[in-house]
Amino acid sequence: MTKLLLSLHVLAAIVAIGPVTVAASMFPAAVRRGDRDAMRVLHRICRVYALIGLAVPVFGLATAGSLGVLGDAWLIVSIVLTVVAAAVLGLGVLPGQAAALASGPALSGGGPALSGGGPALSGGGGSAAAPARLGMVAGVFNLLWAVVVVLMIVRPGSTTGA
């Protein structure tokens, strides 16, 4: 059963989190180009796969329970980083993308600043700053997942033998 749960956990991570990280990273470039069709598609990918991505921690916790490692420090850190990544996605990336989509033609230069669309876009600045902020927030999201992946592979201090 453990091998099945671990397989489902890894598959869910690849199938769900992978597309979100790629789409979130591509979105700022679509904003810079003013490619609203690409922006809509990338935002939809992020939203839909974020929901599908909820399966990753579910299968992960089930796997950890079957391995008896729920109290291990590497797993607790991974859980905390996963929660932080989910918060960055839900409170930064997705609202920032929605604000960029709602801003309309102001993205192509000289228009009003994108602000008030969530933490990813707050802080003022011109329309040229919005893609940079979106890129930064997406980068933080991606970095958090990279650290979680490394922790899952290395498992520092784990007695399960890595």
C-alpha atoms as a PDB file:
ATOM      1  CA  MET A   1       0.000   0.000   0.000  1.00  0.00           C
ATOM      2  CA  THR A   2       2.879   2.369   0.785  1.00  0.00           C
ATOM      3  CA  LYS A   3       4.308   2.002  -2.723  1.00  0.00           C
ATOM      4  CA  LEU A   4       0.916   2.779  -4.249  1.00  0.00           C
ATOM      5  CA  LEU A   5       0.472   5.874  -2.057  1.00  0.00           C
ATOM      6  CA  LEU A   6       3.998   7.066  -2.809  1.00  0.00           C
ATOM      7  CA  SER A   7       3.431   6.541  -6.537  1.00  0.00           C
ATOM      8  CA  LEU A   8       0.176   8.503  -6.409  1.00  0.00           C
ATOM      9  CA  HIS A   9       1.872  11.261  -4.396  1.00  0.00           C
ATOM     10  CA  VAL A  10       4.732  11.620  -6.906  1.00  0.00           C
ATOM     11  CA  LEU A  11       2.404  11.402  -9.922  1.00  0.00           C
ATOM     12  CA  ALA A  12       0.074  14.013  -8.437  1.00  0.00           C
ATOM     13  CA  ALA A  13       3.045  16.309  -7.797  1.00  0.00           C
ATOM     14  CA  ILE A  14       4.308  15.955 -11.353  1.00  0.00           C
ATOM     15  CA  VAL A  15       0.912  16.242 -13.036  1.00  0.00           C
ATOM     16  CA  ALA A  16      -0.530  19.005 -10.832  1.00  0.00           C
ATOM     17  CA  ILE A  17       2.307  21.123  -9.455  1.00  0.00           C
ATOM     18  CA  GLY A  18       4.437  21.017 -12.603  1.00  0.00           C
ATOM     19  CA  PRO A  19       1.894  22.809 -14.814  1.00  0.00           C
ATOM     20  CA  VAL A  20       1.249  25.456 -12.143  1.00  0.00           C
ATOM     21  CA  THR A  21       4.937  26.272 -11.787  1.00  0.00           C
ATOM     22  CA  VAL A  22       5.409  26.514 -15.549  1.00  0.00           C
ATOM     23  CA  ALA A  23       2.218  28.512 -16.195  1.00  0.00           C
ATOM     24  CA  ALA A  24       2.910  30.899 -13.291  1.00  0.00           C
ATOM     25  CA  SER A  25       6.414  31.484 -14.666  1.00  0.00           C
ATOM     26  CA  MET A  26       5.147  32.120 -18.201  1.00  0.00           C
ATOM     27  CA  PHE A  27       2.379  34.530 -17.167  1.00  0.00           C
ATOM     28  CA  PRO A  28       4.574  37.644 -16.628  1.00  0.00           C
ATOM     29  CA  ALA A  29       5.990  37.353 -20.159  1.00  0.00           C
ATOM     30  CA  ALA A  30       2.453  37.138 -21.549  1.00  0.00           C
ATOM     31  CA  VAL A  31       1.616  40.307 -19.587  1.00  0.00           C
ATOM     32  CA  ARG A  32       4.653  42.098 -21.044  1.00  0.00           C
ATOM     33  CA  ARG A  33       3.618  41.070 -24.568  1.00  0.00           C
ATOM     34  CA  GLY A  34       0.014  42.065 -23.874  1.00  0.00           C
ATOM     35  CA  ASP A  35      -1.097  38.598 -25.024  1.00  0.00           C
ATOM     36  CA  ARG A  36      -4.477  38.429 -23.297  1.00  0.00           C
ATOM     37  CA  ASP A  37      -5.354  35.025 -24.792  1.00  0.00           C
ATOM     38  CA  ALA A  38      -2.190  33.493 -23.348  1.00  0.00           C
ATOM     39  CA  MET A  39      -2.818  35.262 -20.043  1.00  0.00           C
ATOM     40  CA  ARG A  40      -6.317  33.752 -19.821  1.00  0.00           C
ATOM     41  CA  VAL A  41      -5.071  30.256 -20.639  1.00  0.00           C
ATOM     42  CA  LEU A  42      -2.156  30.443 -18.208  1.00  0.00           C
ATOM     43  CA  HIS A  43      -4.362  31.800 -15.418  1.00  0.00           C
ATOM     44  CA  ARG A  44      -6.878  29.013 -16.010  1.00  0.00           C
ATOM     45  CA  ILE A  45      -4.089  26.416 -15.889  1.00  0.00           C
ATOM     46  CA  CYS A  46      -2.904  27.842 -12.579  1.00  0.00           C
ATOM     47  CA  ARG A  47      -6.410  27.854 -11.085  1.00  0.00           C
ATOM     48  CA  VAL A  48      -7.449  24.386 -12.252  1.00  0.00           C
ATOM     49  CA  TYR A  49      -4.177  22.633 -11.461  1.00  0.00           C
ATOM     50  CA  ALA A  50      -3.983  24.366  -8.075  1.00  0.00           C
ATOM     51  CA  LEU A  51      -7.221  22.585  -7.183  1.00  0.00           C
ATOM     52  CA  ILE A  52      -5.959  19.281  -8.563  1.00  0.00           C
ATOM     53  CA  GLY A  53      -2.741  19.897  -6.610  1.00  0.00           C
ATOM     54  CA  LEU A  54      -4.642  19.473  -3.358  1.00  0.00           C
ATOM     55  CA  ALA A  55      -4.199  15.745  -3.964  1.00  0.00           C
ATOM     56  CA  VAL A  56      -0.423  16.085  -3.478  1.00  0.00           C
ATOM     57  CA  PRO A  57      -0.450  16.747   0.285  1.00  0.00           C
ATOM     58  CA  VAL A  58      -3.334  14.305   0.763  1.00  0.00           C
ATOM     59  CA  PHE A  59      -1.349  11.456  -0.797  1.00  0.00           C
ATOM     60  CA  GLY A  60       1.808  12.739   0.891  1.00  0.00           C
ATOM     61  CA  LEU A  61       0.286  12.617   4.363  1.00  0.00           C
ATOM     62  CA  ALA A  62      -1.140   9.162   3.672  1.00  0.00           C
ATOM     63  CA  THR A  63       2.293   7.984   2.517  1.00  0.00           C
ATOM     64  CA  ALA A  64       4.015   9.520   5.547  1.00  0.00           C
ATOM     65  CA  GLY A  65       1.503   7.852   7.834  1.00  0.00           C
ATOM     66  CA  SER A  66       2.112   4.460   6.274  1.00  0.00           C
ATOM     67  CA  LEU A  67       5.888   4.972   6.551  1.00  0.00           C
ATOM     68  CA  GLY A  68       5.594   6.125  10.166  1.00  0.00           C
ATOM     69  CA  VAL A  69       7.486   9.377   9.554  1.00  0.00           C
ATOM     70  CA  LEU A  70       4.802  11.936  10.425  1.00  0.00           C
ATOM     71  CA  GLY A  71       6.910  13.303  13.289  1.00  0.00           C
ATOM     72  CA  ASP A  72      10.197  13.571  11.361  1.00  0.00           C
ATOM     73  CA  ALA A  73      11.660  17.059  11.126  1.00  0.00           C
ATOM     74  CA  TRP A  74      12.196  16.903   7.336  1.00  0.00           C
ATOM     75  CA  LEU A  75       8.536  16.080   6.822  1.00  0.00           C
ATOM     76  CA  ILE A  76       7.293  18.784   9.188  1.00  0.00           C
ATOM     77  CA  VAL A  77       9.451  21.363   7.380  1.00  0.00           C
ATOM     78  CA  SER A  78       8.098  20.077   4.048  1.00  0.00           C
ATOM     79  CA  ILE A  79       4.525  20.422   5.293  1.00  0.00           C
ATOM     80  CA  VAL A  80       5.145  23.976   6.483  1.00  0.00           C
ATOM     81  CA  LEU A  81       6.784  24.910   3.160  1.00  0.00           C
ATOM     82  CA  THR A  82       3.869  23.333   1.273  1.00  0.00           C
ATOM     83  CA  VAL A  83       1.417  25.451   3.266  1.00  0.00           C
ATOM     84  CA  VAL A  84       3.528  28.559   2.566  1.00  0.00           C
ATOM     85  CA  ALA A  85       3.654  27.681  -1.160  1.00  0.00           C
ATOM     86  CA  ALA A  86      -0.128  27.246  -1.202  1.00  0.00           C
ATOM     87  CA  ALA A  87      -0.518  30.638   0.486  1.00  0.00           C
ATOM     88  CA  VAL A  88       1.826  32.282  -2.042  1.00  0.00           C
ATOM     89  CA  LEU A  89      -0.194  30.740  -4.868  1.00  0.00           C
ATOM     90  CA  GLY A  90      -3.598  31.552  -3.391  1.00  0.00           C
ATOM     91  CA  LEU A  91      -2.794  35.000  -2.028  1.00  0.00           C
ATOM     92  CA  GLY A  92      -0.161  36.203  -4.480  1.00  0.00           C
ATOM     93  CA  VAL A  93       0.025  34.448  -7.819  1.00  0.00           C
ATOM     94  CA  LEU A  94      -3.654  33.878  -8.576  1.00  0.00           C
ATOM     95  CA  PRO A  95      -4.920  37.298  -7.413  1.00  0.00           C
ATOM     96  CA  GLY A  96      -2.013  38.973  -9.220  1.00  0.00           C
ATOM     97  CA  GLN A  97      -2.894  37.185 -12.425  1.00  0.00           C
ATOM     98  CA  ALA A  98      -6.573  38.062 -12.010  1.00  0.00           C
ATOM     99  CA  ALA A  99      -5.667  41.725 -11.463  1.00  0.00           C
ATOM    100  CA  ALA A 100      -3.474  41.701 -14.559  1.00  0.00           C
ATOM    101  CA  LEU A 101      -6.330  40.237 -16.596  1.00  0.00           C
ATOM    102  CA  ALA A 102      -8.803  42.753 -15.196  1.00  0.00           C
ATOM    103  CA  SER A 103      -6.533  45.730 -15.875  1.00  0.00           C
ATOM    104  CA  GLY A 104      -7.104  45.591 -19.609  1.00  0.00           C
ATOM    105  CA  PRO A 105      -5.132  47.779 -22.008  1.00  0.00           C
ATOM    106  CA  ALA A 106      -3.193  49.473 -19.187  1.00  0.00           C
ATOM    107  CA  LEU A 107      -0.712  46.612 -19.462  1.00  0.00           C
ATOM    108  CA  SER A 108       0.669  47.686 -22.785  1.00  0.00           C
ATOM    109  CA  GLY A 109       2.342  50.706 -21.249  1.00  0.00           C
ATOM    110  CA  GLY A 110       1.675  54.157 -19.895  1.00  0.00           C
ATOM    111  CA  GLY A 111      -1.555  53.173 -18.149  1.00  0.00           C
ATOM    112  CA  PRO A 112      -2.365  53.272 -14.463  1.00  0.00           C
ATOM    113  CA  ALA A 113      -0.459  51.080 -12.055  1.00  0.00           C
ATOM    114  CA  LEU A 114      -1.743  47.642 -11.245  1.00  0.00           C
ATOM    115  CA  SER A 115      -2.476  47.803  -7.566  1.00  0.00           C
ATOM    116  CA  GLY A 116      -5.037  46.531  -5.159  1.00  0.00           C
ATOM    117  CA  GLY A 117      -5.116  43.135  -6.867  1.00  0.00           C
ATOM    118  CA  GLY A 118      -3.667  41.231  -3.959  1.00  0.00           C
ATOM    119  CA  PRO A 119      -0.224  41.032  -2.413  1.00  0.00           C
ATOM    120  CA  ALA A 120       1.487  40.226  -5.722  1.00  0.00           C
ATOM    121  CA  LEU A 121       0.577  43.570  -7.229  1.00  0.00           C
ATOM    122  CA  SER A 122       0.355  45.909  -4.272  1.00  0.00           C
ATOM    123  CA  GLY A 123       2.935  48.524  -3.554  1.00  0.00           C
ATOM    124  CA  GLY A 124       2.416  50.957  -6.392  1.00  0.00           C
ATOM    125  CA  GLY A 125       4.705  51.301  -9.389  1.00  0.00           C
ATOM    126  CA  GLY A 126       3.854  51.532 -13.044  1.00  0.00           C
ATOM    127  CA  SER A 127       2.382  48.873 -15.269  1.00  0.00           C
ATOM    128  CA  ALA A 128       5.896  47.691 -16.128  1.00  0.00           C
ATOM    129  CA  ALA A 129       6.400  46.724 -12.468  1.00  0.00           C
ATOM    130  CA  ALA A 130       3.399  44.370 -12.386  1.00  0.00           C
ATOM    131  CA  PRO A 131       4.973  41.612 -14.531  1.00  0.00           C
ATOM    132  CA  ALA A 132       8.164  41.866 -12.479  1.00  0.00           C
ATOM    133  CA  ARG A 133       6.214  41.439  -9.236  1.00  0.00           C
ATOM    134  CA  LEU A 134       4.260  38.552 -10.717  1.00  0.00           C
ATOM    135  CA  GLY A 135       7.516  36.950 -11.812  1.00  0.00           C
ATOM    136  CA  MET A 136       9.010  37.397  -8.361  1.00  0.00           C
ATOM    137  CA  VAL A 137       6.003  35.871  -6.612  1.00  0.00           C
ATOM    138  CA  ALA A 138       5.948  32.970  -9.083  1.00  0.00           C
ATOM    139  CA  GLY A 139       9.680  32.505  -8.478  1.00  0.00           C
ATOM    140  CA  VAL A 140       9.127  32.317  -4.718  1.00  0.00           C
ATOM    141  CA  PHE A 141       6.366  29.752  -5.282  1.00  0.00           C
ATOM    142  CA  ASN A 142       8.656  27.692  -7.537  1.00  0.00           C
ATOM    143  CA  LEU A 143      11.572  27.938  -5.106  1.00  0.00           C
ATOM    144  CA  LEU A 144       9.412  26.697  -2.230  1.00  0.00           C
ATOM    145  CA  TRP A 145       8.427  23.646  -4.277  1.00  0.00           C
ATOM    146  CA  ALA A 146      12.046  23.025  -5.250  1.00  0.00           C
ATOM    147  CA  VAL A 147      13.049  22.980  -1.575  1.00  0.00           C
ATOM    148  CA  VAL A 148      10.180  20.599  -0.778  1.00  0.00           C
ATOM    149  CA  VAL A 149      11.310  18.248  -3.562  1.00  0.00           C
ATOM    150  CA  VAL A 150      14.877  18.260  -2.238  1.00  0.00           C
ATOM    151  CA  LEU A 151      13.631  17.542   1.282  1.00  0.00           C
ATOM    152  CA  MET A 152      11.517  14.661  -0.041  1.00  0.00           C
ATOM    153  CA  ILE A 153      14.551  13.130  -1.760  1.00  0.00           C
ATOM    154  CA  VAL A 154      17.282  13.807   0.798  1.00  0.00           C
ATOM    155  CA  ARG A 155      15.143  13.408   3.954  1.00  0.00           C
ATOM    156  CA  PRO A 156      17.791  14.724   6.369  1.00  0.00           C
ATOM    157  CA  GLY A 157      17.823  12.704   9.577  1.00  0.00           C
ATOM    158  CA  SER A 158      15.352  10.170   8.219  1.00  0.00           C
ATOM    159  CA  THR A 159      15.575   6.613   9.441  1.00  0.00           C
ATOM    160  CA  THR A 160      13.845   5.290   6.303  1.00  0.00           C
ATOM    161  CA  GLY A 161      17.191   5.182   4.516  1.00  0.00           C
ATOM    162  CA  ALA A 162      17.713   7.614   1.655  1.00  0.00           C
END
